Amino acid sequence: ATWCSLATEHGTLWETQWPQELHD
């Protein structure tokens, strides 16, 4: 559910779209 929330805010490609501190 956290990933879904983050994907809604930052996009669905976590390695290429999210800030580095959200990768873990």
PDB file of all heavy atoms in Angstrom:
ATOM      1  N   ALA A   1       0.832  -1.207   0.000  1.00  0.00           N
ATOM      2  CA  ALA A   1       0.000   0.000   0.000  1.00  0.00           C
ATOM      3  C   ALA A   1       0.866   1.255   0.000  1.00  0.00           C
ATOM      4  O   ALA A   1       0.516   2.268  -0.620  1.00  0.00           O
ATOM      5  CB  ALA A   1      -0.928  -0.020   1.207  1.00  0.00           C
ATOM      6  N   THR A   2       2.000   1.203   0.689  1.00  0.00           N
ATOM      7  CA  THR A   2       2.930   2.344   0.692  1.00  0.00           C
ATOM      8  C   THR A   2       3.473   2.580  -0.706  1.00  0.00           C
ATOM      9  O   THR A   2       3.568   3.730  -1.170  1.00  0.00           O
ATOM     10  CB  THR A   2       4.076   2.098   1.684  1.00  0.00           C
ATOM     11  OG1 THR A   2       3.540   1.902   2.991  1.00  0.00           O
ATOM     12  CG2 THR A   2       5.048   3.261   1.692  1.00  0.00           C
ATOM     13  N   TRP A   3       3.857   1.490  -1.391  1.00  0.00           N
ATOM     14  CA  TRP A   3       4.340   1.632  -2.764  1.00  0.00           C
ATOM     15  C   TRP A   3       3.264   2.272  -3.643  1.00  0.00           C
ATOM     16  O   TRP A   3       3.567   3.153  -4.465  1.00  0.00           O
ATOM     17  CB  TRP A   3       4.741   0.278  -3.344  1.00  0.00           C
ATOM     18  CG  TRP A   3       5.293   0.376  -4.740  1.00  0.00           C
ATOM     19  CD1 TRP A   3       6.600   0.579  -5.095  1.00  0.00           C
ATOM     20  CD2 TRP A   3       4.552   0.318  -5.966  1.00  0.00           C
ATOM     21  NE1 TRP A   3       6.716   0.650  -6.461  1.00  0.00           N
ATOM     22  CE2 TRP A   3       5.469   0.491  -7.025  1.00  0.00           C
ATOM     23  CE3 TRP A   3       3.210   0.140  -6.262  1.00  0.00           C
ATOM     24  CZ2 TRP A   3       5.082   0.491  -8.359  1.00  0.00           C
ATOM     25  CZ3 TRP A   3       2.806   0.137  -7.599  1.00  0.00           C
ATOM     26  CH2 TRP A   3       3.741   0.306  -8.632  1.00  0.00           C
ATOM     27  N   CYS A   4       2.022   1.855  -3.487  1.00  0.00           N
ATOM     28  CA  CYS A   4       0.932   2.437  -4.278  1.00  0.00           C
ATOM     29  C   CYS A   4       0.816   3.936  -4.020  1.00  0.00           C
ATOM     30  O   CYS A   4       0.620   4.733  -4.945  1.00  0.00           O
ATOM     31  CB  CYS A   4      -0.392   1.747  -3.953  1.00  0.00           C
ATOM     32  SG  CYS A   4      -0.523   0.053  -4.551  1.00  0.00           S
ATOM     33  N   SER A   5       0.943   4.325  -2.754  1.00  0.00           N
ATOM     34  CA  SER A   5       0.870   5.743  -2.410  1.00  0.00           C
ATOM     35  C   SER A   5       2.043   6.515  -3.009  1.00  0.00           C
ATOM     36  O   SER A   5       1.874   7.601  -3.581  1.00  0.00           O
ATOM     37  CB  SER A   5       0.860   5.897  -0.884  1.00  0.00           C
ATOM     38  OG  SER A   5       0.945   7.258  -0.513  1.00  0.00           O
ATOM     39  N   LEU A   6       3.237   5.952  -2.892  1.00  0.00           N
ATOM     40  CA  LEU A   6       4.420   6.600  -3.468  1.00  0.00           C
ATOM     41  C   LEU A   6       4.314   6.678  -4.987  1.00  0.00           C
ATOM     42  O   LEU A   6       4.703   7.682  -5.602  1.00  0.00           O
ATOM     43  CB  LEU A   6       5.676   5.825  -3.070  1.00  0.00           C
ATOM     44  CG  LEU A   6       6.134   5.999  -1.615  1.00  0.00           C
ATOM     45  CD1 LEU A   6       7.094   4.894  -1.220  1.00  0.00           C
ATOM     46  CD2 LEU A   6       6.786   7.371  -1.439  1.00  0.00           C
ATOM     47  N   ALA A   7       3.798   5.615  -5.611  1.00  0.00           N
ATOM     48  CA  ALA A   7       3.650   5.609  -7.069  1.00  0.00           C
ATOM     49  C   ALA A   7       2.659   6.663  -7.523  1.00  0.00           C
ATOM     50  O   ALA A   7       2.818   7.277  -8.593  1.00  0.00           O
ATOM     51  CB  ALA A   7       3.205   4.226  -7.538  1.00  0.00           C
ATOM     52  N   THR A   8       1.625   6.896  -6.722  1.00  0.00           N
ATOM     53  CA  THR A   8       0.648   7.924  -7.054  1.00  0.00           C
ATOM     54  C   THR A   8       1.288   9.304  -7.019  1.00  0.00           C
ATOM     55  O   THR A   8       0.958  10.181  -7.828  1.00  0.00           O
ATOM     56  CB  THR A   8      -0.531   7.863  -6.056  1.00  0.00           C
ATOM     57  OG1 THR A   8      -1.131   6.568  -6.127  1.00  0.00           O
ATOM     58  CG2 THR A   8      -1.569   8.915  -6.369  1.00  0.00           C
ATOM     59  N   GLU A   9       2.233   9.488  -6.120  1.00  0.00           N
ATOM     60  CA  GLU A   9       2.866  10.801  -5.962  1.00  0.00           C
ATOM     61  C   GLU A   9       4.068  10.996  -6.884  1.00  0.00           C
ATOM     62  O   GLU A   9       4.266  12.083  -7.444  1.00  0.00           O
ATOM     63  CB  GLU A   9       3.306  10.990  -4.511  1.00  0.00           C
ATOM     64  CG  GLU A   9       3.961  12.339  -4.237  1.00  0.00           C
ATOM     65  CD  GLU A   9       4.173  12.577  -2.751  1.00  0.00           C
ATOM     66  OE1 GLU A   9       3.313  12.168  -1.962  1.00  0.00           O
ATOM     67  OE2 GLU A   9       5.203  13.189  -2.393  1.00  0.00           O
ATOM     68  N   HIS A  10       4.875   9.926  -7.078  1.00  0.00           N
ATOM     69  CA  HIS A  10       6.147  10.085  -7.785  1.00  0.00           C
ATOM     70  C   HIS A  10       6.214   9.364  -9.130  1.00  0.00           C
ATOM     71  O   HIS A  10       7.209   9.497  -9.846  1.00  0.00           O
ATOM     72  CB  HIS A  10       7.300   9.571  -6.905  1.00  0.00           C
ATOM     73  CG  HIS A  10       7.486  10.338  -5.637  1.00  0.00           C
ATOM     74  ND1 HIS A  10       8.032  11.603  -5.599  1.00  0.00           N
ATOM     75  CD2 HIS A  10       7.181  10.017  -4.346  1.00  0.00           C
ATOM     76  CE1 HIS A  10       8.075  12.037  -4.342  1.00  0.00           C
ATOM     77  NE2 HIS A  10       7.559  11.088  -3.564  1.00  0.00           N
ATOM     78  N   GLY A  11       5.209   8.576  -9.475  1.00  0.00           N
ATOM     79  CA  GLY A  11       5.272   7.770 -10.692  1.00  0.00           C
ATOM     80  C   GLY A  11       5.523   6.312 -10.345  1.00  0.00           C
ATOM     81  O   GLY A  11       5.966   5.978  -9.245  1.00  0.00           O
ATOM     82  N   THR A  12       5.279   5.449 -11.302  1.00  0.00           N
ATOM     83  CA  THR A  12       5.308   4.010 -11.020  1.00  0.00           C
ATOM     84  C   THR A  12       6.683   3.372 -11.183  1.00  0.00           C
ATOM     85  O   THR A  12       6.849   2.196 -10.867  1.00  0.00           O
ATOM     86  CB  THR A  12       4.316   3.278 -11.938  1.00  0.00           C
ATOM     87  OG1 THR A  12       4.676   3.512 -13.305  1.00  0.00           O
ATOM     88  CG2 THR A  12       2.888   3.761 -11.698  1.00  0.00           C
ATOM     89  N   LEU A  13       7.661   4.107 -11.689  1.00  0.00           N
ATOM     90  CA  LEU A  13       9.001   3.545 -11.908  1.00  0.00           C
ATOM     91  C   LEU A  13       9.927   4.024 -10.795  1.00  0.00           C
ATOM     92  O   LEU A  13      10.577   5.062 -10.886  1.00  0.00           O
ATOM     93  CB  LEU A  13       9.527   3.951 -13.285  1.00  0.00           C
ATOM     94  CG  LEU A  13       8.615   3.597 -14.467  1.00  0.00           C
ATOM     95  CD1 LEU A  13       9.224   4.084 -15.787  1.00  0.00           C
ATOM     96  CD2 LEU A  13       8.369   2.095 -14.530  1.00  0.00           C
ATOM     97  N   TRP A  14       9.986   3.224  -9.726  1.00  0.00           N
ATOM     98  CA  TRP A  14      10.662   3.716  -8.528  1.00  0.00           C
ATOM     99  C   TRP A  14      12.159   3.895  -8.708  1.00  0.00           C
ATOM    100  O   TRP A  14      12.763   4.812  -8.131  1.00  0.00           O
ATOM    101  CB  TRP A  14      10.368   2.806  -7.337  1.00  0.00           C
ATOM    102  CG  TRP A  14      10.851   1.392  -7.448  1.00  0.00           C
ATOM    103  CD1 TRP A  14      10.163   0.333  -7.942  1.00  0.00           C
ATOM    104  CD2 TRP A  14      12.126   0.886  -7.047  1.00  0.00           C
ATOM    105  NE1 TRP A  14      10.925  -0.814  -7.878  1.00  0.00           N
ATOM    106  CE2 TRP A  14      12.136  -0.507  -7.322  1.00  0.00           C
ATOM    107  CE3 TRP A  14      13.254   1.458  -6.462  1.00  0.00           C
ATOM    108  CZ2 TRP A  14      13.230  -1.315  -7.056  1.00  0.00           C
ATOM    109  CZ3 TRP A  14      14.353   0.656  -6.193  1.00  0.00           C
ATOM    110  CH2 TRP A  14      14.338  -0.713  -6.478  1.00  0.00           C
ATOM    111  N   GLU A  15      12.797   3.064  -9.506  1.00  0.00           N
ATOM    112  CA  GLU A  15      14.260   3.177  -9.666  1.00  0.00           C
ATOM    113  C   GLU A  15      14.652   4.404 -10.470  1.00  0.00           C
ATOM    114  O   GLU A  15      15.708   4.989 -10.232  1.00  0.00           O
ATOM    115  CB  GLU A  15      14.815   1.914 -10.331  1.00  0.00           C
ATOM    116  CG  GLU A  15      15.175   0.815  -9.359  1.00  0.00           C
ATOM    117  CD  GLU A  15      16.056  -0.248  -9.990  1.00  0.00           C
ATOM    118  OE1 GLU A  15      15.698  -0.748 -11.064  1.00  0.00           O
ATOM    119  OE2 GLU A  15      17.092  -0.588  -9.398  1.00  0.00           O
ATOM    120  N   THR A  16      13.822   4.789 -11.413  1.00  0.00           N
ATOM    121  CA  THR A  16      14.190   5.888 -12.311  1.00  0.00           C
ATOM    122  C   THR A  16      13.456   7.193 -12.011  1.00  0.00           C
ATOM    123  O   THR A  16      13.908   8.255 -12.451  1.00  0.00           O
ATOM    124  CB  THR A  16      13.922   5.496 -13.778  1.00  0.00           C
ATOM    125  OG1 THR A  16      12.568   5.038 -13.899  1.00  0.00           O
ATOM    126  CG2 THR A  16      14.840   4.373 -14.221  1.00  0.00           C
ATOM    127  N   GLN A  17      12.340   7.146 -11.271  1.00  0.00           N
ATOM    128  CA  GLN A  17      11.550   8.356 -11.044  1.00  0.00           C
ATOM    129  C   GLN A  17      11.572   8.840  -9.598  1.00  0.00           C
ATOM    130  O   GLN A  17      11.376  10.033  -9.349  1.00  0.00           O
ATOM    131  CB  GLN A  17      10.086   8.110 -11.451  1.00  0.00           C
ATOM    132  CG  GLN A  17       9.890   7.863 -12.945  1.00  0.00           C
ATOM    133  CD  GLN A  17       8.436   7.560 -13.293  1.00  0.00           C
ATOM    134  OE1 GLN A  17       7.673   7.074 -12.468  1.00  0.00           O
ATOM    135  NE2 GLN A  17       8.050   7.857 -14.527  1.00  0.00           N
ATOM    136  N   TRP A  18      11.809   7.959  -8.632  1.00  0.00           N
ATOM    137  CA  TRP A  18      11.708   8.359  -7.227  1.00  0.00           C
ATOM    138  C   TRP A  18      13.035   8.911  -6.697  1.00  0.00           C
ATOM    139  O   TRP A  18      14.115   8.517  -7.163  1.00  0.00           O
ATOM    140  CB  TRP A  18      11.327   7.158  -6.373  1.00  0.00           C
ATOM    141  CG  TRP A  18       9.983   6.561  -6.632  1.00  0.00           C
ATOM    142  CD1 TRP A  18       9.128   6.838  -7.666  1.00  0.00           C
ATOM    143  CD2 TRP A  18       9.347   5.558  -5.844  1.00  0.00           C
ATOM    144  NE1 TRP A  18       8.001   6.074  -7.568  1.00  0.00           N
ATOM    145  CE2 TRP A  18       8.101   5.277  -6.462  1.00  0.00           C
ATOM    146  CE3 TRP A  18       9.694   4.868  -4.684  1.00  0.00           C
ATOM    147  CZ2 TRP A  18       7.209   4.329  -5.938  1.00  0.00           C
ATOM    148  CZ3 TRP A  18       8.823   3.935  -4.164  1.00  0.00           C
ATOM    149  CH2 TRP A  18       7.587   3.674  -4.782  1.00  0.00           C
ATOM    150  N   PRO A  19      12.955   9.785  -5.695  1.00  0.00           N
ATOM    151  CA  PRO A  19      14.190  10.208  -5.010  1.00  0.00           C
ATOM    152  C   PRO A  19      14.912   8.998  -4.416  1.00  0.00           C
ATOM    153  O   PRO A  19      14.283   8.027  -3.977  1.00  0.00           O
ATOM    154  CB  PRO A  19      13.671  11.141  -3.905  1.00  0.00           C
ATOM    155  CG  PRO A  19      12.332  11.609  -4.385  1.00  0.00           C
ATOM    156  CD  PRO A  19      11.764  10.475  -5.174  1.00  0.00           C
ATOM    157  N   GLN A  20      16.234   9.053  -4.396  1.00  0.00           N
ATOM    158  CA  GLN A  20      17.046   7.924  -3.947  1.00  0.00           C
ATOM    159  C   GLN A  20      16.668   7.459  -2.540  1.00  0.00           C
ATOM    160  O   GLN A  20      16.673   6.263  -2.235  1.00  0.00           O
ATOM    161  CB  GLN A  20      18.530   8.309  -3.987  1.00  0.00           C
ATOM    162  CG  GLN A  20      19.488   7.182  -3.634  1.00  0.00           C
ATOM    163  CD  GLN A  20      19.507   6.065  -4.661  1.00  0.00           C
ATOM    164  OE1 GLN A  20      19.401   6.344  -5.851  1.00  0.00           O
ATOM    165  NE2 GLN A  20      19.632   4.819  -4.211  1.00  0.00           N
ATOM    166  N   GLU A  21      16.311   8.406  -1.673  1.00  0.00           N
ATOM    167  CA  GLU A  21      16.031   8.024  -0.288  1.00  0.00           C
ATOM    168  C   GLU A  21      14.751   7.198  -0.134  1.00  0.00           C
ATOM    169  O   GLU A  21      14.500   6.629   0.941  1.00  0.00           O
ATOM    170  CB  GLU A  21      15.940   9.275   0.596  1.00  0.00           C
ATOM    171  CG  GLU A  21      14.820  10.234   0.224  1.00  0.00           C
ATOM    172  CD  GLU A  21      15.281  11.323  -0.749  1.00  0.00           C
ATOM    173  OE1 GLU A  21      16.312  11.107  -1.438  1.00  0.00           O
ATOM    174  OE2 GLU A  21      14.617  12.378  -0.804  1.00  0.00           O
ATOM    175  N   LEU A  22      13.956   7.099  -1.204  1.00  0.00           N
ATOM    176  CA  LEU A  22      12.732   6.304  -1.161  1.00  0.00           C
ATOM    177  C   LEU A  22      12.916   4.908  -1.754  1.00  0.00           C
ATOM    178  O   LEU A  22      11.956   4.140  -1.833  1.00  0.00           O
ATOM    179  CB  LEU A  22      11.599   7.021  -1.899  1.00  0.00           C
ATOM    180  CG  LEU A  22      11.153   8.363  -1.332  1.00  0.00           C
ATOM    181  CD1 LEU A  22      10.101   9.001  -2.228  1.00  0.00           C
ATOM    182  CD2 LEU A  22      10.606   8.201   0.091  1.00  0.00           C
ATOM    183  N   HIS A  23      14.128   4.572  -2.164  1.00  0.00           N
ATOM    184  CA  HIS A  23      14.369   3.273  -2.796  1.00  0.00           C
ATOM    185  C   HIS A  23      14.367   2.121  -1.800  1.00  0.00           C
ATOM    186  O   HIS A  23      14.172   0.970  -2.194  1.00  0.00           O
ATOM    187  CB  HIS A  23      15.703   3.295  -3.548  1.00  0.00           C
ATOM    188  CG  HIS A  23      15.646   4.101  -4.806  1.00  0.00           C
ATOM    189  ND1 HIS A  23      16.614   4.028  -5.792  1.00  0.00           N
ATOM    190  CD2 HIS A  23      14.741   5.001  -5.258  1.00  0.00           C
ATOM    191  CE1 HIS A  23      16.297   4.847  -6.785  1.00  0.00           C
ATOM    192  NE2 HIS A  23      15.169   5.458  -6.472  1.00  0.00           N
ATOM    193  N   ASP A  24      14.572   2.415  -0.527  1.00  0.00           N
ATOM    194  CA  ASP A  24      14.613   1.374   0.500  1.00  0.00           C
ATOM    195  C   ASP A  24      13.334   1.440   1.328  1.00  0.00           C
ATOM    196  O   ASP A  24      13.076   2.451   1.997  1.00  0.00           O
ATOM    197  CB  ASP A  24      15.831   1.582   1.403  1.00  0.00           C
ATOM    198  CG  ASP A  24      15.939   0.523   2.499  1.00  0.00           C
ATOM    199  OD1 ASP A  24      15.079  -0.382   2.550  1.00  0.00           O
ATOM    200  OD2 ASP A  24      16.887   0.618   3.299  1.00  0.00           O
TER     201      ASP A  24
END
